[in-house]
Amino acid sequence: MPKLKTHKSSSRRFHVTGTGKIMRMKGGKSHLRRNKSRRAKMLYDEKLPLHPSFRARVKRLIPYS
């Protein structure tokens, strides 16, 4: 069987924890942050679990994670 190719941008955007959860970062944190409150800016830095409806799609994009 040939090896499956990893979708490189997906492998940078998502990572899999030891328990198998797929984690993601929030988008929209690169610019226009100085107008936001300190609390809103801090919320950009936390990792969030991926919604279960996208799990199968992302697993197909990053097969060896």
PDB file of N, CA and C in Angstrom:
ATOM      1  N   MET A   1       0.840  -1.184   0.000  1.00  0.00           N
ATOM      2  CA  MET A   1       0.000   0.000   0.000  1.00  0.00           C
ATOM      3  C   MET A   1       0.885   1.247   0.000  1.00  0.00           C
ATOM      4  N   PRO A   2       0.529   2.260  -0.779  1.00  0.00           N
ATOM      5  CA  PRO A   2       1.324   3.492  -0.741  1.00  0.00           C
ATOM      6  C   PRO A   2       1.035   4.279   0.539  1.00  0.00           C
ATOM      7  N   LYS A   3       1.990   5.122   0.891  1.00  0.00           N
ATOM      8  CA  LYS A   3       1.809   5.968   2.062  1.00  0.00           C
ATOM      9  C   LYS A   3       0.812   7.073   1.747  1.00  0.00           C
ATOM     10  N   LEU A   4       0.081   7.510   2.772  1.00  0.00           N
ATOM     11  CA  LEU A   4      -0.844   8.621   2.611  1.00  0.00           C
ATOM     12  C   LEU A   4      -0.101   9.933   2.816  1.00  0.00           C
ATOM     13  N   LYS A   5      -0.464  10.946   2.058  1.00  0.00           N
ATOM     14  CA  LYS A   5       0.172  12.248   2.217  1.00  0.00           C
ATOM     15  C   LYS A   5      -0.565  13.061   3.272  1.00  0.00           C
ATOM     16  N   THR A   6       0.214  13.766   4.087  1.00  0.00           N
ATOM     17  CA  THR A   6      -0.342  14.635   5.110  1.00  0.00           C
ATOM     18  C   THR A   6      -0.622  15.997   4.506  1.00  0.00           C
ATOM     19  N   HIS A   7      -1.786  16.555   4.815  1.00  0.00           N
ATOM     20  CA  HIS A   7      -2.121  17.919   4.398  1.00  0.00           C
ATOM     21  C   HIS A   7      -1.358  18.860   5.329  1.00  0.00           C
ATOM     22  N   LYS A   8      -0.335  19.562   4.784  1.00  0.00           N
ATOM     23  CA  LYS A   8       0.625  20.257   5.623  1.00  0.00           C
ATOM     24  C   LYS A   8       0.023  21.403   6.415  1.00  0.00           C
ATOM     25  N   SER A   9      -0.894  22.167   5.822  1.00  0.00           N
ATOM     26  CA  SER A   9      -1.466  23.282   6.584  1.00  0.00           C
ATOM     27  C   SER A   9      -2.352  22.761   7.712  1.00  0.00           C
ATOM     28  N   SER A  10      -3.003  21.627   7.500  1.00  0.00           N
ATOM     29  CA  SER A  10      -3.820  21.049   8.569  1.00  0.00           C
ATOM     30  C   SER A  10      -2.944  20.519   9.697  1.00  0.00           C
ATOM     31  N   SER A  11      -1.790  19.977   9.357  1.00  0.00           N
ATOM     32  CA  SER A  11      -0.917  19.457  10.406  1.00  0.00           C
ATOM     33  C   SER A  11      -0.355  20.585  11.264  1.00  0.00           C
ATOM     34  N   ARG A  12      -0.273  21.798  10.707  1.00  0.00           N
ATOM     35  CA  ARG A  12       0.174  22.941  11.504  1.00  0.00           C
ATOM     36  C   ARG A  12      -0.968  23.550  12.316  1.00  0.00           C
ATOM     37  N   ARG A  13      -2.193  23.437  11.832  1.00  0.00           N
ATOM     38  CA  ARG A  13      -3.329  24.067  12.514  1.00  0.00           C
ATOM     39  C   ARG A  13      -3.891  23.223  13.643  1.00  0.00           C
ATOM     40  N   PHE A  14      -3.789  21.904  13.533  1.00  0.00           N
ATOM     41  CA  PHE A  14      -4.389  21.020  14.519  1.00  0.00           C
ATOM     42  C   PHE A  14      -3.311  20.149  15.129  1.00  0.00           C
ATOM     43  N   HIS A  15      -3.504  19.781  16.389  1.00  0.00           N
ATOM     44  CA  HIS A  15      -2.641  18.747  16.955  1.00  0.00           C
ATOM     45  C   HIS A  15      -3.476  17.829  17.828  1.00  0.00           C
ATOM     46  N   VAL A  16      -3.004  16.611  17.963  1.00  0.00           N
ATOM     47  CA  VAL A  16      -3.744  15.571  18.667  1.00  0.00           C
ATOM     48  C   VAL A  16      -3.110  15.382  20.034  1.00  0.00           C
ATOM     49  N   THR A  17      -3.939  15.368  21.070  1.00  0.00           N
ATOM     50  CA  THR A  17      -3.446  15.171  22.424  1.00  0.00           C
ATOM     51  C   THR A  17      -3.178  13.692  22.673  1.00  0.00           C
ATOM     52  N   GLY A  18      -2.645  13.397  23.829  1.00  0.00           N
ATOM     53  CA  GLY A  18      -2.369  12.016  24.175  1.00  0.00           C
ATOM     54  C   GLY A  18      -3.621  11.173  24.305  1.00  0.00           C
ATOM     55  N   THR A  19      -4.738  11.797  24.655  1.00  0.00           N
ATOM     56  CA  THR A  19      -5.991  11.056  24.793  1.00  0.00           C
ATOM     57  C   THR A  19      -6.750  10.967  23.479  1.00  0.00           C
ATOM     58  N   GLY A  20      -6.232  11.596  22.412  1.00  0.00           N
ATOM     59  CA  GLY A  20      -6.858  11.474  21.102  1.00  0.00           C
ATOM     60  C   GLY A  20      -7.737  12.639  20.691  1.00  0.00           C
ATOM     61  N   LYS A  21      -7.834  13.673  21.537  1.00  0.00           N
ATOM     62  CA  LYS A  21      -8.633  14.836  21.176  1.00  0.00           C
ATOM     63  C   LYS A  21      -7.868  15.683  20.163  1.00  0.00           C
ATOM     64  N   ILE A  22      -8.573  16.265  19.191  1.00  0.00           N
ATOM     65  CA  ILE A  22      -7.956  17.159  18.221  1.00  0.00           C
ATOM     66  C   ILE A  22      -8.171  18.582  18.710  1.00  0.00           C
ATOM     67  N   MET A  23      -7.075  19.312  18.894  1.00  0.00           N
ATOM     68  CA  MET A  23      -7.134  20.674  19.416  1.00  0.00           C
ATOM     69  C   MET A  23      -6.846  21.667  18.295  1.00  0.00           C
ATOM     70  N   ARG A  24      -7.449  22.846  18.421  1.00  0.00           N
ATOM     71  CA  ARG A  24      -7.257  23.901  17.434  1.00  0.00           C
ATOM     72  C   ARG A  24      -7.020  25.220  18.150  1.00  0.00           C
ATOM     73  N   MET A  25      -6.471  26.186  17.418  1.00  0.00           N
ATOM     74  CA  MET A  25      -6.314  27.544  17.923  1.00  0.00           C
ATOM     75  C   MET A  25      -7.391  28.422  17.311  1.00  0.00           C
ATOM     76  N   LYS A  26      -7.695  29.527  17.955  1.00  0.00           N
ATOM     77  CA  LYS A  26      -8.669  30.470  17.416  1.00  0.00           C
ATOM     78  C   LYS A  26      -8.041  31.269  16.286  1.00  0.00           C
ATOM     79  N   GLY A  27      -8.860  31.639  15.314  1.00  0.00           N
ATOM     80  CA  GLY A  27      -8.394  32.487  14.234  1.00  0.00           C
ATOM     81  C   GLY A  27      -8.577  33.949  14.566  1.00  0.00           C
ATOM     82  N   GLY A  28      -8.007  34.818  13.723  1.00  0.00           N
ATOM     83  CA  GLY A  28      -8.203  36.250  13.876  1.00  0.00           C
ATOM     84  C   GLY A  28      -7.374  36.880  14.962  1.00  0.00           C
ATOM     85  N   LYS A  29      -6.199  36.328  15.262  1.00  0.00           N
ATOM     86  CA  LYS A  29      -5.398  36.900  16.343  1.00  0.00           C
ATOM     87  C   LYS A  29      -4.123  37.577  15.855  1.00  0.00           C
ATOM     88  N   SER A  30      -3.983  37.744  14.556  1.00  0.00           N
ATOM     89  CA  SER A  30      -2.730  38.283  14.054  1.00  0.00           C
ATOM     90  C   SER A  30      -2.692  39.798  14.030  1.00  0.00           C
ATOM     91  N   HIS A  31      -3.825  40.453  13.801  1.00  0.00           N
ATOM     92  CA  HIS A  31      -3.830  41.921  13.808  1.00  0.00           C
ATOM     93  C   HIS A  31      -5.180  42.420  14.307  1.00  0.00           C
ATOM     94  N   LEU A  32      -5.279  43.721  14.526  1.00  0.00           N
ATOM     95  CA  LEU A  32      -6.461  44.392  15.096  1.00  0.00           C
ATOM     96  C   LEU A  32      -6.738  43.938  16.528  1.00  0.00           C
ATOM     97  N   ARG A  33      -5.694  43.600  17.254  1.00  0.00           N
ATOM     98  CA  ARG A  33      -5.889  43.149  18.631  1.00  0.00           C
ATOM     99  C   ARG A  33      -5.804  44.282  19.631  1.00  0.00           C
ATOM    100  N   ARG A  34      -5.224  45.409  19.258  1.00  0.00           N
ATOM    101  CA  ARG A  34      -5.022  46.463  20.260  1.00  0.00           C
ATOM    102  C   ARG A  34      -6.336  47.123  20.652  1.00  0.00           C
ATOM    103  N   ASN A  35      -7.383  46.973  19.834  1.00  0.00           N
ATOM    104  CA  ASN A  35      -8.687  47.546  20.165  1.00  0.00           C
ATOM    105  C   ASN A  35      -9.492  46.654  21.100  1.00  0.00           C
ATOM    106  N   LYS A  36      -9.031  45.445  21.330  1.00  0.00           N
ATOM    107  CA  LYS A  36      -9.782  44.510  22.142  1.00  0.00           C
ATOM    108  C   LYS A  36      -9.349  44.597  23.610  1.00  0.00           C
ATOM    109  N   SER A  37     -10.224  44.147  24.482  1.00  0.00           N
ATOM    110  CA  SER A  37      -9.909  44.166  25.904  1.00  0.00           C
ATOM    111  C   SER A  37      -8.851  43.101  26.227  1.00  0.00           C
ATOM    112  N   ARG A  38      -8.267  43.236  27.400  1.00  0.00           N
ATOM    113  CA  ARG A  38      -7.213  42.303  27.799  1.00  0.00           C
ATOM    114  C   ARG A  38      -7.772  40.887  27.905  1.00  0.00           C
ATOM    115  N   ARG A  39      -8.978  40.772  28.445  1.00  0.00           N
ATOM    116  CA  ARG A  39      -9.609  39.456  28.586  1.00  0.00           C
ATOM    117  C   ARG A  39      -9.868  38.822  27.224  1.00  0.00           C
ATOM    118  N   ALA A  40     -10.321  39.610  26.257  1.00  0.00           N
ATOM    119  CA  ALA A  40     -10.593  39.077  24.917  1.00  0.00           C
ATOM    120  C   ALA A  40      -9.301  38.626  24.251  1.00  0.00           C
ATOM    121  N   LYS A  41      -8.214  39.353  24.484  1.00  0.00           N
ATOM    122  CA  LYS A  41      -6.929  38.972  23.899  1.00  0.00           C
ATOM    123  C   LYS A  41      -6.392  37.698  24.531  1.00  0.00           C
ATOM    124  N   MET A  42      -6.628  37.520  25.820  1.00  0.00           N
ATOM    125  CA  MET A  42      -6.149  36.315  26.488  1.00  0.00           C
ATOM    126  C   MET A  42      -6.892  35.077  25.988  1.00  0.00           C
ATOM    127  N   LEU A  43      -8.155  35.243  25.586  1.00  0.00           N
ATOM    128  CA  LEU A  43      -8.932  34.104  25.110  1.00  0.00           C
ATOM    129  C   LEU A  43      -8.420  33.565  23.777  1.00  0.00           C
ATOM    130  N   TYR A  44      -7.670  34.396  23.024  1.00  0.00           N
ATOM    131  CA  TYR A  44      -7.106  33.924  21.759  1.00  0.00           C
ATOM    132  C   TYR A  44      -5.990  32.900  21.973  1.00  0.00           C
ATOM    133  N   ASP A  45      -5.365  32.907  23.134  1.00  0.00           N
ATOM    134  CA  ASP A  45      -4.172  32.091  23.344  1.00  0.00           C
ATOM    135  C   ASP A  45      -4.475  30.672  23.813  1.00  0.00           C
ATOM    136  N   GLU A  46      -5.731  30.363  24.108  1.00  0.00           N
ATOM    137  CA  GLU A  46      -6.034  29.023  24.589  1.00  0.00           C
ATOM    138  C   GLU A  46      -6.384  28.096  23.433  1.00  0.00           C
ATOM    139  N   LYS A  47      -6.072  26.838  23.604  1.00  0.00           N
ATOM    140  CA  LYS A  47      -6.414  25.832  22.603  1.00  0.00           C
ATOM    141  C   LYS A  47      -7.807  25.285  22.906  1.00  0.00           C
ATOM    142  N   LEU A  48      -8.568  25.037  21.861  1.00  0.00           N
ATOM    143  CA  LEU A  48      -9.931  24.551  22.008  1.00  0.00           C
ATOM    144  C   LEU A  48     -10.068  23.200  21.328  1.00  0.00           C
ATOM    145  N   PRO A  49     -10.920  22.332  21.852  1.00  0.00           N
ATOM    146  CA  PRO A  49     -11.153  21.065  21.153  1.00  0.00           C
ATOM    147  C   PRO A  49     -11.957  21.293  19.880  1.00  0.00           C
ATOM    148  N   LEU A  50     -11.671  20.497  18.882  1.00  0.00           N
ATOM    149  CA  LEU A  50     -12.367  20.588  17.609  1.00  0.00           C
ATOM    150  C   LEU A  50     -13.793  20.065  17.760  1.00  0.00           C
ATOM    151  N   HIS A  51     -14.716  20.670  17.031  1.00  0.00           N
ATOM    152  CA  HIS A  51     -16.104  20.221  17.073  1.00  0.00           C
ATOM    153  C   HIS A  51     -16.183  18.793  16.522  1.00  0.00           C
ATOM    154  N   PRO A  52     -16.971  17.925  17.142  1.00  0.00           N
ATOM    155  CA  PRO A  52     -17.005  16.513  16.719  1.00  0.00           C
ATOM    156  C   PRO A  52     -17.412  16.287  15.266  1.00  0.00           C
ATOM    157  N   SER A  53     -18.169  17.215  14.675  1.00  0.00           N
ATOM    158  CA  SER A  53     -18.598  17.009  13.289  1.00  0.00           C
ATOM    159  C   SER A  53     -17.440  17.145  12.300  1.00  0.00           C
ATOM    160  N   PHE A  54     -16.341  17.803  12.696  1.00  0.00           N
ATOM    161  CA  PHE A  54     -15.183  17.954  11.815  1.00  0.00           C
ATOM    162  C   PHE A  54     -14.110  16.907  12.063  1.00  0.00           C
ATOM    163  N   ARG A  55     -14.310  16.056  13.054  1.00  0.00           N
ATOM    164  CA  ARG A  55     -13.264  15.124  13.476  1.00  0.00           C
ATOM    165  C   ARG A  55     -12.837  14.166  12.368  1.00  0.00           C
ATOM    166  N   ALA A  56     -13.788  13.575  11.658  1.00  0.00           N
ATOM    167  CA  ALA A  56     -13.448  12.595  10.618  1.00  0.00           C
ATOM    168  C   ALA A  56     -12.711  13.265   9.467  1.00  0.00           C
ATOM    169  N   ARG A  57     -13.093  14.484   9.130  1.00  0.00           N
ATOM    170  CA  ARG A  57     -12.444  15.198   8.029  1.00  0.00           C
ATOM    171  C   ARG A  57     -10.994  15.519   8.349  1.00  0.00           C
ATOM    172  N   VAL A  58     -10.754  15.974   9.587  1.00  0.00           N
ATOM    173  CA  VAL A  58      -9.386  16.333   9.969  1.00  0.00           C
ATOM    174  C   VAL A  58      -8.529  15.087  10.126  1.00  0.00           C
ATOM    175  N   LYS A  59      -9.101  13.992  10.622  1.00  0.00           N
ATOM    176  CA  LYS A  59      -8.347  12.748  10.733  1.00  0.00           C
ATOM    177  C   LYS A  59      -7.887  12.249   9.365  1.00  0.00           C
ATOM    178  N   ARG A  60      -8.693  12.497   8.343  1.00  0.00           N
ATOM    179  CA  ARG A  60      -8.312  12.110   6.983  1.00  0.00           C
ATOM    180  C   ARG A  60      -7.172  12.996   6.465  1.00  0.00           C
ATOM    181  N   LEU A  61      -7.150  14.257   6.890  1.00  0.00           N
ATOM    182  CA  LEU A  61      -6.116  15.179   6.423  1.00  0.00           C
ATOM    183  C   LEU A  61      -4.777  14.952   7.130  1.00  0.00           C
ATOM    184  N   ILE A  62      -4.818  14.546   8.393  1.00  0.00           N
ATOM    185  CA  ILE A  62      -3.574  14.268   9.123  1.00  0.00           C
ATOM    186  C   ILE A  62      -3.587  12.802   9.587  1.00  0.00           C
ATOM    187  N   PRO A  63      -3.308  11.873   8.694  1.00  0.00           N
ATOM    188  CA  PRO A  63      -3.495  10.451   8.997  1.00  0.00           C
ATOM    189  C   PRO A  63      -2.515   9.888  10.018  1.00  0.00           C
ATOM    190  N   TYR A  64      -1.312  10.423  10.135  1.00  0.00           N
ATOM    191  CA  TYR A  64      -0.301   9.816  11.007  1.00  0.00           C
ATOM    192  C   TYR A  64      -0.113  10.587  12.288  1.00  0.00           C
ATOM    193  N   SER A  65      -1.115  11.297  12.741  1.00  0.00           N
ATOM    194  CA  SER A  65      -0.953  12.081  13.969  1.00  0.00           C
ATOM    195  C   SER A  65      -1.484  11.319  15.168  1.00  0.00           C
TER     196      SER A  65
END
